[in-house]
Amino acid sequence: MFLNKVEIFEGLSAEILDRIQAMAMEEKVQEGHIFFRAGDPADFLYVLKEGQVALTTGGASPITFPIGETGAVFGWSALVEPRAYTATSESTMPTTVLKLDGTALLQLFEDHPRDGLLVLRRLARVMASRLKASYERFAR
């Protein structure tokens, strides 16, 4: 199963992985597709299956992060208050993602707090990694 290799879902019980897989919608898009824009309500979490996505922050000094690793997660704002995207996401080539409803995921994690805590811990690690990368780019 693809999802058990996704960093934030590693170590989840088979039951929870099956439930996440059942709610996943595969979406294939062409280059230039906008998944979401900074400030939009964050409804979906995305998992990259193939292709590449650019996340671009807003503001006076925008920063662009290329996301190209299979299993990479973006749109994680769907799981974090205030549930608004903090960047704009655009495919930079034909791309396939799994799209997961943030509200449904949060409900699943509320019903299964052990698994939910594990996912949120892993998500915090992803967030910290991106923050560190942005600091490093800004310092150049």
N, C-alpha and C. Protein backbone atom coordinates (compact mmCIF):
# COMPACT_ATOMS: atom_id res chain seq x y z
N MET A 1 0.85 -1.18 0.00
CA MET A 1 0.00 0.00 0.00
C MET A 1 0.89 1.24 0.00
N PHE A 2 0.58 2.18 -0.84
CA PHE A 2 1.34 3.41 -1.01
C PHE A 2 1.38 4.25 0.27
N LEU A 3 0.24 4.39 0.94
CA LEU A 3 0.16 5.30 2.09
C LEU A 3 1.03 4.89 3.27
N ASN A 4 1.32 3.60 3.43
CA ASN A 4 2.16 3.21 4.57
C ASN A 4 3.61 3.64 4.40
N LYS A 5 3.96 4.13 3.19
CA LYS A 5 5.31 4.64 2.94
C LYS A 5 5.37 6.16 3.02
N VAL A 6 4.23 6.79 3.23
CA VAL A 6 4.16 8.25 3.37
C VAL A 6 4.60 8.61 4.79
N GLU A 7 5.56 9.52 4.91
CA GLU A 7 6.19 9.81 6.20
C GLU A 7 5.19 10.04 7.33
N ILE A 8 4.17 10.84 7.11
CA ILE A 8 3.28 11.16 8.23
C ILE A 8 2.34 10.00 8.59
N PHE A 9 2.24 9.00 7.70
CA PHE A 9 1.35 7.86 7.98
C PHE A 9 2.11 6.60 8.39
N GLU A 10 3.44 6.64 8.41
CA GLU A 10 4.21 5.46 8.80
C GLU A 10 3.86 5.05 10.22
N GLY A 11 3.69 3.76 10.44
CA GLY A 11 3.44 3.24 11.78
C GLY A 11 1.98 3.24 12.20
N LEU A 12 1.08 3.73 11.34
CA LEU A 12 -0.33 3.68 11.69
C LEU A 12 -0.86 2.26 11.60
N SER A 13 -1.89 1.98 12.34
CA SER A 13 -2.50 0.65 12.30
C SER A 13 -3.06 0.38 10.90
N ALA A 14 -3.13 -0.88 10.54
CA ALA A 14 -3.66 -1.27 9.23
C ALA A 14 -5.09 -0.78 9.05
N GLU A 15 -5.86 -0.82 10.11
CA GLU A 15 -7.26 -0.37 10.04
C GLU A 15 -7.34 1.11 9.66
N ILE A 16 -6.52 1.92 10.28
CA ILE A 16 -6.54 3.37 10.00
C ILE A 16 -6.01 3.63 8.60
N LEU A 17 -4.94 2.95 8.21
CA LEU A 17 -4.43 3.12 6.85
C LEU A 17 -5.48 2.74 5.81
N ASP A 18 -6.21 1.67 6.06
CA ASP A 18 -7.28 1.26 5.14
C ASP A 18 -8.36 2.34 5.05
N ARG A 19 -8.69 2.93 6.18
CA ARG A 19 -9.72 3.98 6.18
C ARG A 19 -9.24 5.23 5.47
N ILE A 20 -7.97 5.57 5.64
CA ILE A 20 -7.42 6.73 4.92
C ILE A 20 -7.39 6.44 3.42
N GLN A 21 -6.97 5.23 3.06
CA GLN A 21 -6.94 4.85 1.64
C GLN A 21 -8.33 4.93 1.03
N ALA A 22 -9.35 4.51 1.77
CA ALA A 22 -10.72 4.53 1.26
C ALA A 22 -11.22 5.94 1.01
N MET A 23 -10.71 6.92 1.76
CA MET A 23 -11.17 8.30 1.55
C MET A 23 -10.32 9.04 0.53
N ALA A 24 -9.21 8.45 0.10
CA ALA A 24 -8.30 9.13 -0.83
C ALA A 24 -8.89 9.19 -2.24
N MET A 25 -8.77 10.35 -2.84
CA MET A 25 -9.20 10.55 -4.22
C MET A 25 -7.95 10.83 -5.06
N GLU A 26 -7.73 10.03 -6.09
CA GLU A 26 -6.59 10.28 -6.96
C GLU A 26 -6.95 11.38 -7.95
N GLU A 27 -6.04 12.31 -8.13
CA GLU A 27 -6.25 13.42 -9.05
C GLU A 27 -5.03 13.55 -9.95
N LYS A 28 -5.27 13.54 -11.27
CA LYS A 28 -4.19 13.72 -12.25
C LYS A 28 -4.40 15.07 -12.90
N VAL A 29 -3.34 15.88 -12.92
CA VAL A 29 -3.43 17.23 -13.45
C VAL A 29 -2.28 17.50 -14.42
N GLN A 30 -2.45 18.53 -15.23
CA GLN A 30 -1.41 18.95 -16.15
C GLN A 30 -0.55 20.02 -15.50
N GLU A 31 0.57 20.35 -16.14
CA GLU A 31 1.43 21.42 -15.68
C GLU A 31 0.63 22.72 -15.59
N GLY A 32 0.87 23.47 -14.54
CA GLY A 32 0.19 24.75 -14.36
C GLY A 32 -1.09 24.69 -13.55
N HIS A 33 -1.48 23.50 -13.12
CA HIS A 33 -2.69 23.37 -12.30
C HIS A 33 -2.44 23.97 -10.92
N ILE A 34 -3.36 24.81 -10.47
CA ILE A 34 -3.29 25.38 -9.12
C ILE A 34 -4.15 24.52 -8.20
N PHE A 35 -3.51 23.90 -7.21
CA PHE A 35 -4.24 23.10 -6.22
C PHE A 35 -4.95 24.01 -5.23
N PHE A 36 -4.25 25.05 -4.80
CA PHE A 36 -4.82 26.02 -3.87
C PHE A 36 -3.96 27.27 -3.88
N ARG A 37 -4.53 28.34 -3.37
CA ARG A 37 -3.81 29.62 -3.27
C ARG A 37 -3.68 30.01 -1.79
N ALA A 38 -2.61 30.73 -1.49
CA ALA A 38 -2.41 31.24 -0.13
C ALA A 38 -3.65 32.01 0.30
N GLY A 39 -4.13 31.71 1.50
CA GLY A 39 -5.30 32.36 2.05
C GLY A 39 -6.60 31.61 1.83
N ASP A 40 -6.62 30.66 0.88
CA ASP A 40 -7.82 29.85 0.65
C ASP A 40 -8.11 28.99 1.88
N PRO A 41 -9.38 28.66 2.13
CA PRO A 41 -9.69 27.69 3.18
C PRO A 41 -8.97 26.36 2.86
N ALA A 42 -8.36 25.78 3.87
CA ALA A 42 -7.58 24.55 3.68
C ALA A 42 -8.50 23.34 3.88
N ASP A 43 -9.01 22.83 2.78
CA ASP A 43 -9.95 21.72 2.83
C ASP A 43 -9.30 20.36 2.63
N PHE A 44 -8.16 20.32 1.90
CA PHE A 44 -7.58 19.05 1.53
C PHE A 44 -6.09 18.97 1.85
N LEU A 45 -5.67 17.78 2.24
CA LEU A 45 -4.27 17.41 2.38
C LEU A 45 -3.93 16.63 1.11
N TYR A 46 -2.74 16.86 0.55
CA TYR A 46 -2.34 16.21 -0.69
C TYR A 46 -1.09 15.36 -0.45
N VAL A 47 -1.04 14.21 -1.12
CA VAL A 47 0.13 13.35 -1.10
C VAL A 47 0.58 13.17 -2.55
N LEU A 48 1.82 13.51 -2.83
CA LEU A 48 2.35 13.42 -4.19
C LEU A 48 2.63 11.96 -4.56
N LYS A 49 2.04 11.52 -5.65
CA LYS A 49 2.33 10.18 -6.18
C LYS A 49 3.40 10.25 -7.25
N GLU A 50 3.25 11.21 -8.16
CA GLU A 50 4.28 11.42 -9.18
C GLU A 50 4.14 12.82 -9.73
N GLY A 51 5.26 13.34 -10.24
CA GLY A 51 5.26 14.69 -10.77
C GLY A 51 5.99 15.64 -9.86
N GLN A 52 5.63 16.91 -9.95
CA GLN A 52 6.27 17.92 -9.12
C GLN A 52 5.32 19.08 -8.90
N VAL A 53 5.43 19.66 -7.72
CA VAL A 53 4.60 20.79 -7.31
C VAL A 53 5.53 21.86 -6.75
N ALA A 54 5.18 23.11 -7.01
CA ALA A 54 5.90 24.23 -6.41
C ALA A 54 4.99 24.90 -5.40
N LEU A 55 5.48 25.05 -4.17
CA LEU A 55 4.77 25.80 -3.13
C LEU A 55 5.43 27.16 -3.04
N THR A 56 4.63 28.22 -3.20
CA THR A 56 5.18 29.57 -3.16
C THR A 56 4.48 30.38 -2.09
N THR A 57 5.28 30.89 -1.17
CA THR A 57 4.74 31.73 -0.10
C THR A 57 4.46 33.12 -0.65
N GLY A 58 3.59 33.84 0.02
CA GLY A 58 3.28 35.20 -0.38
C GLY A 58 4.19 36.18 0.32
N GLY A 59 3.81 37.44 0.28
CA GLY A 59 4.57 38.46 0.99
C GLY A 59 5.58 39.16 0.10
N ALA A 60 6.36 40.03 0.74
CA ALA A 60 7.32 40.86 0.02
C ALA A 60 8.47 40.05 -0.56
N SER A 61 8.84 38.96 0.10
CA SER A 61 9.94 38.11 -0.38
C SER A 61 9.46 36.67 -0.51
N PRO A 62 8.71 36.37 -1.59
CA PRO A 62 8.18 35.01 -1.73
C PRO A 62 9.30 33.98 -1.81
N ILE A 63 9.02 32.82 -1.27
CA ILE A 63 9.94 31.69 -1.32
C ILE A 63 9.21 30.55 -2.00
N THR A 64 9.89 29.87 -2.92
CA THR A 64 9.30 28.73 -3.61
C THR A 64 10.01 27.45 -3.18
N PHE A 65 9.22 26.47 -2.80
CA PHE A 65 9.74 25.16 -2.41
C PHE A 65 9.30 24.14 -3.45
N PRO A 66 10.23 23.49 -4.13
CA PRO A 66 9.82 22.41 -5.04
C PRO A 66 9.51 21.15 -4.24
N ILE A 67 8.40 20.51 -4.56
CA ILE A 67 8.01 19.25 -3.93
C ILE A 67 8.00 18.21 -5.04
N GLY A 68 8.91 17.26 -4.99
CA GLY A 68 9.01 16.29 -6.07
C GLY A 68 9.23 14.86 -5.61
N GLU A 69 9.30 14.65 -4.32
CA GLU A 69 9.55 13.31 -3.79
C GLU A 69 8.24 12.55 -3.65
N THR A 70 8.19 11.36 -4.21
CA THR A 70 6.99 10.53 -4.07
C THR A 70 6.67 10.35 -2.59
N GLY A 71 5.42 10.57 -2.24
CA GLY A 71 4.99 10.45 -0.86
C GLY A 71 5.05 11.74 -0.07
N ALA A 72 5.59 12.79 -0.68
CA ALA A 72 5.65 14.09 0.02
C ALA A 72 4.24 14.62 0.24
N VAL A 73 4.06 15.27 1.37
CA VAL A 73 2.76 15.80 1.75
C VAL A 73 2.79 17.32 1.60
N PHE A 74 1.72 17.88 1.05
CA PHE A 74 1.57 19.33 1.01
C PHE A 74 0.10 19.67 1.25
N GLY A 75 -0.13 20.92 1.59
CA GLY A 75 -1.49 21.30 1.97
C GLY A 75 -1.83 20.88 3.38
N TRP A 76 -0.79 20.70 4.21
CA TRP A 76 -1.00 20.22 5.58
C TRP A 76 -1.80 21.19 6.43
N SER A 77 -2.02 22.40 5.92
CA SER A 77 -2.86 23.36 6.65
C SER A 77 -4.28 22.83 6.84
N ALA A 78 -4.66 21.81 6.07
CA ALA A 78 -5.98 21.20 6.22
C ALA A 78 -6.12 20.51 7.58
N LEU A 79 -5.00 20.27 8.26
CA LEU A 79 -5.03 19.59 9.57
C LEU A 79 -4.66 20.52 10.72
N VAL A 80 -4.36 21.78 10.43
CA VAL A 80 -3.83 22.69 11.43
C VAL A 80 -4.63 23.99 11.42
N GLU A 81 -5.05 24.41 12.62
CA GLU A 81 -5.78 25.69 12.74
C GLU A 81 -4.88 26.83 12.30
N PRO A 82 -5.38 27.80 11.62
CA PRO A 82 -6.78 28.14 11.37
C PRO A 82 -7.34 27.51 10.09
N ARG A 83 -6.69 26.49 9.59
CA ARG A 83 -7.12 25.75 8.39
C ARG A 83 -7.26 26.68 7.18
N ALA A 84 -6.19 27.44 6.94
CA ALA A 84 -6.07 28.28 5.74
C ALA A 84 -4.69 28.01 5.15
N TYR A 85 -4.63 27.84 3.82
CA TYR A 85 -3.36 27.56 3.18
C TYR A 85 -2.43 28.76 3.32
N THR A 86 -1.15 28.49 3.56
CA THR A 86 -0.16 29.54 3.76
C THR A 86 0.70 29.77 2.53
N ALA A 87 0.46 29.01 1.47
CA ALA A 87 1.23 29.13 0.22
C ALA A 87 0.30 28.81 -0.94
N THR A 88 0.79 29.09 -2.13
CA THR A 88 0.09 28.70 -3.35
C THR A 88 0.79 27.48 -3.91
N SER A 89 0.02 26.50 -4.37
CA SER A 89 0.57 25.25 -4.87
C SER A 89 0.22 25.08 -6.34
N GLU A 90 1.25 24.89 -7.17
CA GLU A 90 1.06 24.74 -8.61
C GLU A 90 1.88 23.57 -9.12
N SER A 91 1.28 22.75 -9.99
CA SER A 91 2.03 21.65 -10.60
C SER A 91 2.98 22.24 -11.63
N THR A 92 4.21 21.71 -11.67
CA THR A 92 5.21 22.20 -12.61
C THR A 92 5.46 21.21 -13.74
N MET A 93 4.68 20.15 -13.75
CA MET A 93 4.71 19.12 -14.80
C MET A 93 3.44 18.29 -14.61
N PRO A 94 3.10 17.39 -15.52
CA PRO A 94 1.96 16.50 -15.24
C PRO A 94 2.19 15.80 -13.90
N THR A 95 1.17 15.81 -13.08
CA THR A 95 1.32 15.38 -11.68
C THR A 95 0.11 14.57 -11.23
N THR A 96 0.37 13.57 -10.39
CA THR A 96 -0.69 12.78 -9.78
C THR A 96 -0.56 12.88 -8.27
N VAL A 97 -1.70 13.17 -7.62
CA VAL A 97 -1.73 13.28 -6.16
C VAL A 97 -2.87 12.45 -5.61
N LEU A 98 -2.77 12.14 -4.33
CA LEU A 98 -3.92 11.66 -3.56
C LEU A 98 -4.42 12.86 -2.78
N LYS A 99 -5.71 13.08 -2.84
CA LYS A 99 -6.35 14.22 -2.19
C LYS A 99 -7.19 13.67 -1.04
N LEU A 100 -6.94 14.18 0.17
CA LEU A 100 -7.60 13.69 1.38
C LEU A 100 -8.36 14.83 2.05
N ASP A 101 -9.62 14.60 2.34
CA ASP A 101 -10.46 15.59 2.99
C ASP A 101 -9.96 15.83 4.42
N GLY A 102 -9.58 17.07 4.71
CA GLY A 102 -9.03 17.40 6.02
C GLY A 102 -10.01 17.19 7.15
N THR A 103 -11.28 17.54 6.93
CA THR A 103 -12.29 17.37 7.98
C THR A 103 -12.48 15.90 8.31
N ALA A 104 -12.55 15.06 7.29
CA ALA A 104 -12.71 13.62 7.51
C ALA A 104 -11.48 13.04 8.22
N LEU A 105 -10.29 13.48 7.84
CA LEU A 105 -9.08 13.01 8.53
C LEU A 105 -9.08 13.42 10.00
N LEU A 106 -9.41 14.67 10.26
CA LEU A 106 -9.44 15.13 11.65
C LEU A 106 -10.45 14.35 12.47
N GLN A 107 -11.60 14.03 11.89
CA GLN A 107 -12.60 13.23 12.61
C GLN A 107 -12.06 11.82 12.89
N LEU A 108 -11.40 11.24 11.88
CA LEU A 108 -10.80 9.91 12.07
C LEU A 108 -9.78 9.94 13.21
N PHE A 109 -8.95 10.97 13.23
CA PHE A 109 -7.92 11.07 14.27
C PHE A 109 -8.53 11.37 15.64
N GLU A 110 -9.64 12.07 15.67
CA GLU A 110 -10.32 12.31 16.94
C GLU A 110 -10.90 11.00 17.48
N ASP A 111 -11.42 10.18 16.57
CA ASP A 111 -11.97 8.88 16.97
C ASP A 111 -10.89 7.88 17.34
N HIS A 112 -9.67 8.09 16.84
CA HIS A 112 -8.53 7.19 17.09
C HIS A 112 -7.33 8.05 17.50
N PRO A 113 -7.35 8.56 18.73
CA PRO A 113 -6.36 9.55 19.15
C PRO A 113 -4.90 9.07 19.12
N ARG A 114 -4.65 7.79 19.35
CA ARG A 114 -3.27 7.31 19.29
C ARG A 114 -2.69 7.53 17.90
N ASP A 115 -3.46 7.13 16.89
CA ASP A 115 -3.02 7.30 15.50
C ASP A 115 -2.96 8.79 15.14
N GLY A 116 -3.94 9.55 15.62
CA GLY A 116 -3.95 10.98 15.34
C GLY A 116 -2.75 11.69 15.90
N LEU A 117 -2.37 11.35 17.12
CA LEU A 117 -1.20 11.96 17.75
C LEU A 117 0.06 11.63 16.97
N LEU A 118 0.18 10.40 16.52
CA LEU A 118 1.34 9.99 15.73
C LEU A 118 1.42 10.81 14.44
N VAL A 119 0.31 10.97 13.76
CA VAL A 119 0.30 11.75 12.51
C VAL A 119 0.67 13.20 12.79
N LEU A 120 0.10 13.80 13.83
CA LEU A 120 0.40 15.20 14.12
C LEU A 120 1.85 15.40 14.54
N ARG A 121 2.44 14.43 15.21
CA ARG A 121 3.87 14.51 15.54
C ARG A 121 4.72 14.47 14.28
N ARG A 122 4.37 13.57 13.38
CA ARG A 122 5.11 13.47 12.12
C ARG A 122 4.91 14.73 11.28
N LEU A 123 3.71 15.26 11.30
CA LEU A 123 3.42 16.49 10.57
C LEU A 123 4.25 17.65 11.12
N ALA A 124 4.38 17.72 12.43
CA ALA A 124 5.21 18.76 13.04
C ALA A 124 6.65 18.65 12.56
N ARG A 125 7.14 17.44 12.37
CA ARG A 125 8.50 17.23 11.86
C ARG A 125 8.62 17.77 10.43
N VAL A 126 7.62 17.52 9.59
CA VAL A 126 7.62 18.04 8.22
C VAL A 126 7.61 19.57 8.25
N MET A 127 6.76 20.14 9.10
CA MET A 127 6.66 21.59 9.20
C MET A 127 8.00 22.19 9.65
N ALA A 128 8.62 21.58 10.62
CA ALA A 128 9.91 22.08 11.13
C ALA A 128 10.98 22.01 10.04
N SER A 129 10.95 20.95 9.26
CA SER A 129 11.92 20.80 8.17
C SER A 129 11.75 21.90 7.13
N ARG A 130 10.51 22.21 6.78
CA ARG A 130 10.27 23.27 5.79
C ARG A 130 10.62 24.63 6.36
N LEU A 131 10.36 24.84 7.64
CA LEU A 131 10.72 26.11 8.26
C LEU A 131 12.23 26.29 8.25
N LYS A 132 12.95 25.24 8.58
CA LYS A 132 14.42 25.30 8.57
C LYS A 132 14.92 25.61 7.17
N ALA A 133 14.34 24.95 6.16
CA ALA A 133 14.74 25.20 4.77
C ALA A 133 14.48 26.65 4.37
N SER A 134 13.37 27.20 4.83
CA SER A 134 13.08 28.60 4.49
C SER A 134 14.08 29.54 5.17
N TYR A 135 14.46 29.25 6.40
CA TYR A 135 15.47 30.06 7.07
C TYR A 135 16.79 30.00 6.31
N GLU A 136 17.16 28.82 5.87
CA GLU A 136 18.42 28.66 5.15
C GLU A 136 18.41 29.41 3.82
N ARG A 137 17.28 29.39 3.13
CA ARG A 137 17.19 30.12 1.86
C ARG A 137 17.21 31.62 2.09
N PHE A 138 16.57 32.07 3.15
CA PHE A 138 16.51 33.49 3.45
C PHE A 138 17.89 34.01 3.85
N ALA A 139 18.71 33.17 4.50
CA ALA A 139 20.02 33.58 4.99
C ALA A 139 21.05 33.70 3.86
N ARG A 140 20.75 33.18 2.71
CA ARG A 140 21.72 33.20 1.59
C ARG A 140 21.96 34.59 1.07
